[in-house]
Amino acid sequence: AWRTGYRYDQLDSGDVNVDTSLFPVLSPYKPR
């Protein structure tokens, strides 16, 4: 009746062609 688990998540915002001064949320970042 018992389970245990682990998960690892990784994102890469990659190449974004945009003016980040207008769209600050799109500044390069790698969430995990």
PDB file of all heavy atoms in Angstrom:
ATOM      1  N   ALA A   1       0.806  -1.220   0.000  1.00  0.00           N
ATOM      2  CA  ALA A   1       0.000   0.000   0.000  1.00  0.00           C
ATOM      3  C   ALA A   1       0.839   1.270   0.000  1.00  0.00           C
ATOM      4  O   ALA A   1       0.279   2.363   0.037  1.00  0.00           O
ATOM      5  CB  ALA A   1      -0.941   0.007   1.203  1.00  0.00           C
ATOM      6  N   TRP A   2       2.162   1.148  -0.067  1.00  0.00           N
ATOM      7  CA  TRP A   2       3.041   2.312   0.091  1.00  0.00           C
ATOM      8  C   TRP A   2       3.925   2.505  -1.129  1.00  0.00           C
ATOM      9  O   TRP A   2       4.501   1.554  -1.657  1.00  0.00           O
ATOM     10  CB  TRP A   2       3.925   2.148   1.331  1.00  0.00           C
ATOM     11  CG  TRP A   2       3.174   2.239   2.621  1.00  0.00           C
ATOM     12  CD1 TRP A   2       2.556   1.228   3.282  1.00  0.00           C
ATOM     13  CD2 TRP A   2       2.950   3.429   3.382  1.00  0.00           C
ATOM     14  NE1 TRP A   2       1.960   1.699   4.428  1.00  0.00           N
ATOM     15  CE2 TRP A   2       2.185   3.052   4.517  1.00  0.00           C
ATOM     16  CE3 TRP A   2       3.317   4.767   3.234  1.00  0.00           C
ATOM     17  CZ2 TRP A   2       1.785   3.960   5.483  1.00  0.00           C
ATOM     18  CZ3 TRP A   2       2.919   5.678   4.194  1.00  0.00           C
ATOM     19  CH2 TRP A   2       2.164   5.278   5.305  1.00  0.00           C
ATOM     20  N   ARG A   3       4.023   3.786  -1.568  1.00  0.00           N
ATOM     21  CA  ARG A   3       4.889   4.150  -2.680  1.00  0.00           C
ATOM     22  C   ARG A   3       5.689   5.397  -2.312  1.00  0.00           C
ATOM     23  O   ARG A   3       5.265   6.213  -1.489  1.00  0.00           O
ATOM     24  CB  ARG A   3       4.080   4.458  -3.943  1.00  0.00           C
ATOM     25  CG  ARG A   3       3.115   3.403  -4.400  1.00  0.00           C
ATOM     26  CD  ARG A   3       2.496   3.773  -5.745  1.00  0.00           C
ATOM     27  NE  ARG A   3       1.987   5.139  -5.754  1.00  0.00           N
ATOM     28  CZ  ARG A   3       1.733   5.851  -6.849  1.00  0.00           C
ATOM     29  NH1 ARG A   3       1.948   5.328  -8.033  1.00  0.00           N
ATOM     30  NH2 ARG A   3       1.261   7.084  -6.776  1.00  0.00           N
ATOM     31  N   THR A   4       6.818   5.543  -2.964  1.00  0.00           N
ATOM     32  CA  THR A   4       7.599   6.778  -2.847  1.00  0.00           C
ATOM     33  C   THR A   4       8.125   7.133  -4.229  1.00  0.00           C
ATOM     34  O   THR A   4       8.293   6.249  -5.093  1.00  0.00           O
ATOM     35  CB  THR A   4       8.759   6.624  -1.852  1.00  0.00           C
ATOM     36  OG1 THR A   4       9.410   7.895  -1.667  1.00  0.00           O
ATOM     37  CG2 THR A   4       9.776   5.607  -2.344  1.00  0.00           C
ATOM     38  N   GLY A   5       8.369   8.432  -4.463  1.00  0.00           N
ATOM     39  CA  GLY A   5       8.799   8.838  -5.790  1.00  0.00           C
ATOM     40  C   GLY A   5       9.576  10.143  -5.788  1.00  0.00           C
ATOM     41  O   GLY A   5       9.510  10.932  -4.838  1.00  0.00           O
ATOM     42  N   TYR A   6      10.327  10.354  -6.866  1.00  0.00           N
ATOM     43  CA  TYR A   6      11.100  11.590  -7.064  1.00  0.00           C
ATOM     44  C   TYR A   6      10.925  12.034  -8.511  1.00  0.00           C
ATOM     45  O   TYR A   6      10.913  11.217  -9.436  1.00  0.00           O
ATOM     46  CB  TYR A   6      12.582  11.364  -6.775  1.00  0.00           C
ATOM     47  CG  TYR A   6      13.460  12.520  -7.220  1.00  0.00           C
ATOM     48  CD1 TYR A   6      13.508  13.705  -6.473  1.00  0.00           C
ATOM     49  CD2 TYR A   6      14.220  12.443  -8.381  1.00  0.00           C
ATOM     50  CE1 TYR A   6      14.302  14.775  -6.878  1.00  0.00           C
ATOM     51  CE2 TYR A   6      15.020  13.499  -8.793  1.00  0.00           C
ATOM     52  CZ  TYR A   6      15.049  14.660  -8.045  1.00  0.00           C
ATOM     53  OH  TYR A   6      15.835  15.718  -8.456  1.00  0.00           O
ATOM     54  N   ARG A   7      10.790  13.368  -8.711  1.00  0.00           N
ATOM     55  CA  ARG A   7      10.674  13.941 -10.046  1.00  0.00           C
ATOM     56  C   ARG A   7      11.576  15.154 -10.161  1.00  0.00           C
ATOM     57  O   ARG A   7      11.623  15.989  -9.248  1.00  0.00           O
ATOM     58  CB  ARG A   7       9.225  14.342 -10.338  1.00  0.00           C
ATOM     59  CG  ARG A   7       9.009  14.870 -11.776  1.00  0.00           C
ATOM     60  CD  ARG A   7       7.549  15.253 -12.011  1.00  0.00           C
ATOM     61  NE  ARG A   7       7.189  16.489 -11.307  1.00  0.00           N
ATOM     62  CZ  ARG A   7       5.951  16.853 -11.032  1.00  0.00           C
ATOM     63  NH1 ARG A   7       4.944  16.065 -11.363  1.00  0.00           N
ATOM     64  NH2 ARG A   7       5.709  17.991 -10.405  1.00  0.00           N
ATOM     65  N   TYR A   8      12.257  15.265 -11.298  1.00  0.00           N
ATOM     66  CA  TYR A   8      13.066  16.449 -11.589  1.00  0.00           C
ATOM     67  C   TYR A   8      12.540  17.099 -12.858  1.00  0.00           C
ATOM     68  O   TYR A   8      12.367  16.435 -13.891  1.00  0.00           O
ATOM     69  CB  TYR A   8      14.536  16.081 -11.768  1.00  0.00           C
ATOM     70  CG  TYR A   8      15.397  17.281 -12.117  1.00  0.00           C
ATOM     71  CD1 TYR A   8      15.718  18.220 -11.138  1.00  0.00           C
ATOM     72  CD2 TYR A   8      15.856  17.487 -13.417  1.00  0.00           C
ATOM     73  CE1 TYR A   8      16.490  19.332 -11.450  1.00  0.00           C
ATOM     74  CE2 TYR A   8      16.634  18.595 -13.733  1.00  0.00           C
ATOM     75  CZ  TYR A   8      16.939  19.510 -12.744  1.00  0.00           C
ATOM     76  OH  TYR A   8      17.703  20.624 -13.054  1.00  0.00           O
ATOM     77  N   ASP A   9      12.290  18.416 -12.797  1.00  0.00           N
ATOM     78  CA  ASP A   9      11.798  19.198 -13.942  1.00  0.00           C
ATOM     79  C   ASP A   9      12.855  20.211 -14.363  1.00  0.00           C
ATOM     80  O   ASP A   9      13.509  20.831 -13.504  1.00  0.00           O
ATOM     81  CB  ASP A   9      10.529  19.967 -13.560  1.00  0.00           C
ATOM     82  CG  ASP A   9       9.386  19.060 -13.153  1.00  0.00           C
ATOM     83  OD1 ASP A   9       9.416  18.535 -12.020  1.00  0.00           O
ATOM     84  OD2 ASP A   9       8.471  18.883 -13.945  1.00  0.00           O
ATOM     85  N   GLN A  10      12.988  20.417 -15.678  1.00  0.00           N
ATOM     86  CA  GLN A  10      13.932  21.404 -16.195  1.00  0.00           C
ATOM     87  C   GLN A  10      13.354  22.039 -17.460  1.00  0.00           C
ATOM     88  O   GLN A  10      12.909  21.339 -18.375  1.00  0.00           O
ATOM     89  CB  GLN A  10      15.268  20.746 -16.531  1.00  0.00           C
ATOM     90  CG  GLN A  10      16.310  21.697 -17.124  1.00  0.00           C
ATOM     91  CD  GLN A  10      16.885  22.672 -16.105  1.00  0.00           C
ATOM     92  OE1 GLN A  10      17.599  22.265 -15.205  1.00  0.00           O
ATOM     93  NE2 GLN A  10      16.583  23.950 -16.251  1.00  0.00           N
ATOM     94  N   LEU A  11      13.343  23.379 -17.499  1.00  0.00           N
ATOM     95  CA  LEU A  11      12.920  24.122 -18.678  1.00  0.00           C
ATOM     96  C   LEU A  11      14.065  24.982 -19.177  1.00  0.00           C
ATOM     97  O   LEU A  11      14.950  25.374 -18.408  1.00  0.00           O
ATOM     98  CB  LEU A  11      11.713  25.017 -18.371  1.00  0.00           C
ATOM     99  CG  LEU A  11      10.431  24.349 -17.884  1.00  0.00           C
ATOM    100  CD1 LEU A  11       9.374  25.408 -17.582  1.00  0.00           C
ATOM    101  CD2 LEU A  11       9.912  23.359 -18.898  1.00  0.00           C
ATOM    102  N   ASP A  12      14.033  25.305 -20.462  1.00  0.00           N
ATOM    103  CA  ASP A  12      15.034  26.185 -21.065  1.00  0.00           C
ATOM    104  C   ASP A  12      14.301  27.186 -21.950  1.00  0.00           C
ATOM    105  O   ASP A  12      13.673  26.812 -22.946  1.00  0.00           O
ATOM    106  CB  ASP A  12      16.028  25.368 -21.890  1.00  0.00           C
ATOM    107  CG  ASP A  12      17.186  26.206 -22.415  1.00  0.00           C
ATOM    108  OD1 ASP A  12      17.137  27.444 -22.272  1.00  0.00           O
ATOM    109  OD2 ASP A  12      18.134  25.631 -22.983  1.00  0.00           O
ATOM    110  N   SER A  13      14.365  28.478 -21.572  1.00  0.00           N
ATOM    111  CA  SER A  13      13.667  29.504 -22.362  1.00  0.00           C
ATOM    112  C   SER A  13      14.255  29.668 -23.748  1.00  0.00           C
ATOM    113  O   SER A  13      13.613  30.231 -24.645  1.00  0.00           O
ATOM    114  CB  SER A  13      13.701  30.851 -21.631  1.00  0.00           C
ATOM    115  OG  SER A  13      15.029  31.295 -21.455  1.00  0.00           O
ATOM    116  N   GLY A  14      15.489  29.189 -23.960  1.00  0.00           N
ATOM    117  CA  GLY A  14      16.078  29.106 -25.292  1.00  0.00           C
ATOM    118  C   GLY A  14      16.256  30.441 -25.973  1.00  0.00           C
ATOM    119  O   GLY A  14      16.518  31.471 -25.341  1.00  0.00           O
ATOM    120  N   ASP A  15      16.078  30.424 -27.296  1.00  0.00           N
ATOM    121  CA  ASP A  15      16.258  31.616 -28.123  1.00  0.00           C
ATOM    122  C   ASP A  15      14.924  32.337 -28.287  1.00  0.00           C
ATOM    123  O   ASP A  15      14.007  31.825 -28.935  1.00  0.00           O
ATOM    124  CB  ASP A  15      16.820  31.240 -29.495  1.00  0.00           C
ATOM    125  CG  ASP A  15      18.180  30.578 -29.410  1.00  0.00           C
ATOM    126  OD1 ASP A  15      18.960  30.974 -28.514  1.00  0.00           O
ATOM    127  OD2 ASP A  15      18.451  29.656 -30.195  1.00  0.00           O
ATOM    128  N   VAL A  16      14.843  33.540 -27.731  1.00  0.00           N
ATOM    129  CA  VAL A  16      13.631  34.347 -27.829  1.00  0.00           C
ATOM    130  C   VAL A  16      13.989  35.692 -28.444  1.00  0.00           C
ATOM    131  O   VAL A  16      14.803  36.442 -27.886  1.00  0.00           O
ATOM    132  CB  VAL A  16      12.970  34.549 -26.445  1.00  0.00           C
ATOM    133  CG1 VAL A  16      11.724  35.414 -26.585  1.00  0.00           C
ATOM    134  CG2 VAL A  16      12.609  33.208 -25.822  1.00  0.00           C
ATOM    135  N   ASN A  17      13.391  35.989 -29.586  1.00  0.00           N
ATOM    136  CA  ASN A  17      13.643  37.248 -30.280  1.00  0.00           C
ATOM    137  C   ASN A  17      12.514  38.218 -29.950  1.00  0.00           C
ATOM    138  O   ASN A  17      11.457  38.208 -30.576  1.00  0.00           O
ATOM    139  CB  ASN A  17      13.723  37.003 -31.789  1.00  0.00           C
ATOM    140  CG  ASN A  17      13.928  38.295 -32.564  1.00  0.00           C
ATOM    141  OD1 ASN A  17      14.432  39.280 -32.033  1.00  0.00           O
ATOM    142  ND2 ASN A  17      13.495  38.295 -33.819  1.00  0.00           N
ATOM    143  N   VAL A  18      12.745  39.062 -28.914  1.00  0.00           N
ATOM    144  CA  VAL A  18      11.726  40.002 -28.482  1.00  0.00           C
ATOM    145  C   VAL A  18      12.387  41.078 -27.630  1.00  0.00           C
ATOM    146  O   VAL A  18      13.479  40.864 -27.067  1.00  0.00           O
ATOM    147  CB  VAL A  18      10.607  39.283 -27.690  1.00  0.00           C
ATOM    148  CG1 VAL A  18      11.094  38.866 -26.321  1.00  0.00           C
ATOM    149  CG2 VAL A  18       9.346  40.131 -27.591  1.00  0.00           C
ATOM    150  N   ASP A  19      11.753  42.224 -27.523  1.00  0.00           N
ATOM    151  CA  ASP A  19      12.246  43.309 -26.682  1.00  0.00           C
ATOM    152  C   ASP A  19      11.847  43.014 -25.234  1.00  0.00           C
ATOM    153  O   ASP A  19      10.695  43.222 -24.835  1.00  0.00           O
ATOM    154  CB  ASP A  19      11.640  44.635 -27.147  1.00  0.00           C
ATOM    155  CG  ASP A  19      12.187  45.834 -26.372  1.00  0.00           C
ATOM    156  OD1 ASP A  19      12.976  45.624 -25.421  1.00  0.00           O
ATOM    157  OD2 ASP A  19      11.808  46.970 -26.714  1.00  0.00           O
ATOM    158  N   THR A  20      12.787  42.515 -24.432  1.00  0.00           N
ATOM    159  CA  THR A  20      12.471  42.127 -23.052  1.00  0.00           C
ATOM    160  C   THR A  20      12.211  43.322 -22.142  1.00  0.00           C
ATOM    161  O   THR A  20      11.716  43.141 -21.028  1.00  0.00           O
ATOM    162  CB  THR A  20      13.606  41.276 -22.468  1.00  0.00           C
ATOM    163  OG1 THR A  20      14.843  41.986 -22.565  1.00  0.00           O
ATOM    164  CG2 THR A  20      13.729  39.953 -23.207  1.00  0.00           C
ATOM    165  N   SER A  21      12.523  44.558 -22.592  1.00  0.00           N
ATOM    166  CA  SER A  21      12.160  45.722 -21.774  1.00  0.00           C
ATOM    167  C   SER A  21      10.644  45.913 -21.757  1.00  0.00           C
ATOM    168  O   SER A  21      10.087  46.430 -20.781  1.00  0.00           O
ATOM    169  CB  SER A  21      12.849  46.978 -22.314  1.00  0.00           C
ATOM    170  OG  SER A  21      12.382  47.296 -23.628  1.00  0.00           O
ATOM    171  N   LEU A  22       9.971  45.489 -22.834  1.00  0.00           N
ATOM    172  CA  LEU A  22       8.510  45.524 -22.873  1.00  0.00           C
ATOM    173  C   LEU A  22       7.899  44.252 -22.293  1.00  0.00           C
ATOM    174  O   LEU A  22       6.791  44.272 -21.766  1.00  0.00           O
ATOM    175  CB  LEU A  22       8.019  45.711 -24.306  1.00  0.00           C
ATOM    176  CG  LEU A  22       8.352  47.050 -24.984  1.00  0.00           C
ATOM    177  CD1 LEU A  22       7.851  47.052 -26.418  1.00  0.00           C
ATOM    178  CD2 LEU A  22       7.746  48.214 -24.210  1.00  0.00           C
ATOM    179  N   PHE A  23       8.633  43.148 -22.422  1.00  0.00           N
ATOM    180  CA  PHE A  23       8.131  41.852 -21.959  1.00  0.00           C
ATOM    181  C   PHE A  23       9.141  41.238 -20.985  1.00  0.00           C
ATOM    182  O   PHE A  23       9.842  40.279 -21.329  1.00  0.00           O
ATOM    183  CB  PHE A  23       7.892  40.923 -23.156  1.00  0.00           C
ATOM    184  CG  PHE A  23       7.027  41.511 -24.229  1.00  0.00           C
ATOM    185  CD1 PHE A  23       7.598  42.108 -25.347  1.00  0.00           C
ATOM    186  CD2 PHE A  23       5.646  41.480 -24.117  1.00  0.00           C
ATOM    187  CE1 PHE A  23       6.807  42.658 -26.340  1.00  0.00           C
ATOM    188  CE2 PHE A  23       4.856  42.032 -25.114  1.00  0.00           C
ATOM    189  CZ  PHE A  23       5.420  42.629 -26.225  1.00  0.00           C
ATOM    190  N   PRO A  24       9.262  41.778 -19.771  1.00  0.00           N
ATOM    191  CA  PRO A  24      10.288  41.314 -18.839  1.00  0.00           C
ATOM    192  C   PRO A  24      10.139  39.865 -18.429  1.00  0.00           C
ATOM    193  O   PRO A  24      11.131  39.222 -18.071  1.00  0.00           O
ATOM    194  CB  PRO A  24      10.123  42.244 -17.633  1.00  0.00           C
ATOM    195  CG  PRO A  24       8.724  42.786 -17.742  1.00  0.00           C
ATOM    196  CD  PRO A  24       8.448  42.879 -19.202  1.00  0.00           C
ATOM    197  N   VAL A  25       8.928  39.304 -18.474  1.00  0.00           N
ATOM    198  CA  VAL A  25       8.743  37.914 -18.076  1.00  0.00           C
ATOM    199  C   VAL A  25       9.445  36.963 -19.038  1.00  0.00           C
ATOM    200  O   VAL A  25       9.716  35.810 -18.696  1.00  0.00           O
ATOM    201  CB  VAL A  25       7.239  37.577 -17.986  1.00  0.00           C
ATOM    202  CG1 VAL A  25       6.622  37.460 -19.369  1.00  0.00           C
ATOM    203  CG2 VAL A  25       6.999  36.298 -17.180  1.00  0.00           C
ATOM    204  N   LEU A  26       9.789  37.451 -20.254  1.00  0.00           N
ATOM    205  CA  LEU A  26      10.444  36.616 -21.250  1.00  0.00           C
ATOM    206  C   LEU A  26      11.961  36.723 -21.222  1.00  0.00           C
ATOM    207  O   LEU A  26      12.637  36.215 -22.124  1.00  0.00           O
ATOM    208  CB  LEU A  26       9.931  36.982 -22.650  1.00  0.00           C
ATOM    209  CG  LEU A  26       8.436  36.718 -22.900  1.00  0.00           C
ATOM    210  CD1 LEU A  26       8.041  37.143 -24.299  1.00  0.00           C
ATOM    211  CD2 LEU A  26       8.117  35.258 -22.681  1.00  0.00           C
ATOM    212  N   SER A  27      12.510  37.349 -20.195  1.00  0.00           N
ATOM    213  CA  SER A  27      13.970  37.394 -20.049  1.00  0.00           C
ATOM    214  C   SER A  27      14.522  35.977 -19.921  1.00  0.00           C
ATOM    215  O   SER A  27      13.871  35.102 -19.339  1.00  0.00           O
ATOM    216  CB  SER A  27      14.352  38.212 -18.816  1.00  0.00           C
ATOM    217  OG  SER A  27      13.901  39.555 -18.950  1.00  0.00           O
ATOM    218  N   PRO A  28      15.706  35.702 -20.463  1.00  0.00           N
ATOM    219  CA  PRO A  28      16.250  34.338 -20.466  1.00  0.00           C
ATOM    220  C   PRO A  28      16.321  33.748 -19.058  1.00  0.00           C
ATOM    221  O   PRO A  28      16.746  34.407 -18.106  1.00  0.00           O
ATOM    222  CB  PRO A  28      17.644  34.515 -21.063  1.00  0.00           C
ATOM    223  CG  PRO A  28      17.562  35.768 -21.874  1.00  0.00           C
ATOM    224  CD  PRO A  28      16.606  36.658 -21.143  1.00  0.00           C
ATOM    225  N   TYR A  29      15.883  32.481 -18.950  1.00  0.00           N
ATOM    226  CA  TYR A  29      15.885  31.813 -17.649  1.00  0.00           C
ATOM    227  C   TYR A  29      15.712  30.313 -17.870  1.00  0.00           C
ATOM    228  O   TYR A  29      15.179  29.885 -18.909  1.00  0.00           O
ATOM    229  CB  TYR A  29      14.761  32.351 -16.763  1.00  0.00           C
ATOM    230  CG  TYR A  29      14.794  31.840 -15.345  1.00  0.00           C
ATOM    231  CD1 TYR A  29      15.919  32.007 -14.541  1.00  0.00           C
ATOM    232  CD2 TYR A  29      13.688  31.181 -14.811  1.00  0.00           C
ATOM    233  CE1 TYR A  29      15.938  31.530 -13.230  1.00  0.00           C
ATOM    234  CE2 TYR A  29      13.698  30.713 -13.501  1.00  0.00           C
ATOM    235  CZ  TYR A  29      14.825  30.884 -12.722  1.00  0.00           C
ATOM    236  OH  TYR A  29      14.848  30.415 -11.436  1.00  0.00           O
ATOM    237  N   LYS A  30      16.150  29.513 -16.899  1.00  0.00           N
ATOM    238  CA  LYS A  30      16.015  28.061 -16.940  1.00  0.00           C
ATOM    239  C   LYS A  30      15.328  27.583 -15.665  1.00  0.00           C
ATOM    240  O   LYS A  30      15.992  27.212 -14.691  1.00  0.00           O
ATOM    241  CB  LYS A  30      17.369  27.384 -17.116  1.00  0.00           C
ATOM    242  CG  LYS A  30      18.039  27.664 -18.453  1.00  0.00           C
ATOM    243  CD  LYS A  30      19.330  26.891 -18.615  1.00  0.00           C
ATOM    244  CE  LYS A  30      19.951  27.140 -19.983  1.00  0.00           C
ATOM    245  NZ  LYS A  30      21.206  26.348 -20.158  1.00  0.00           N
ATOM    246  N   PRO A  31      14.008  27.601 -15.622  1.00  0.00           N
ATOM    247  CA  PRO A  31      13.290  27.125 -14.437  1.00  0.00           C
ATOM    248  C   PRO A  31      13.555  25.636 -14.182  1.00  0.00           C
ATOM    249  O   PRO A  31      13.752  24.858 -15.119  1.00  0.00           O
ATOM    250  CB  PRO A  31      11.821  27.362 -14.786  1.00  0.00           C
ATOM    251  CG  PRO A  31      11.842  28.375 -15.893  1.00  0.00           C
ATOM    252  CD  PRO A  31      13.082  28.093 -16.659  1.00  0.00           C
ATOM    253  N   ARG A  32      13.519  25.247 -12.918  1.00  0.00           N
ATOM    254  CA  ARG A  32      13.702  23.847 -12.553  1.00  0.00           C
ATOM    255  C   ARG A  32      12.941  23.565 -11.258  1.00  0.00           C
ATOM    256  O   ARG A  32      12.515  24.500 -10.565  1.00  0.00           O
ATOM    257  CB  ARG A  32      15.190  23.507 -12.386  1.00  0.00           C
ATOM    258  CG  ARG A  32      15.866  24.224 -11.243  1.00  0.00           C
ATOM    259  CD  ARG A  32      17.374  24.051 -11.284  1.00  0.00           C
ATOM    260  NE  ARG A  32      18.008  24.554 -10.077  1.00  0.00           N
ATOM    261  CZ  ARG A  32      18.295  25.813  -9.834  1.00  0.00           C
ATOM    262  NH1 ARG A  32      17.980  26.740 -10.744  1.00  0.00           N
ATOM    263  NH2 ARG A  32      18.881  26.183  -8.716  1.00  0.00           N
TER     264      ARG A  32
END
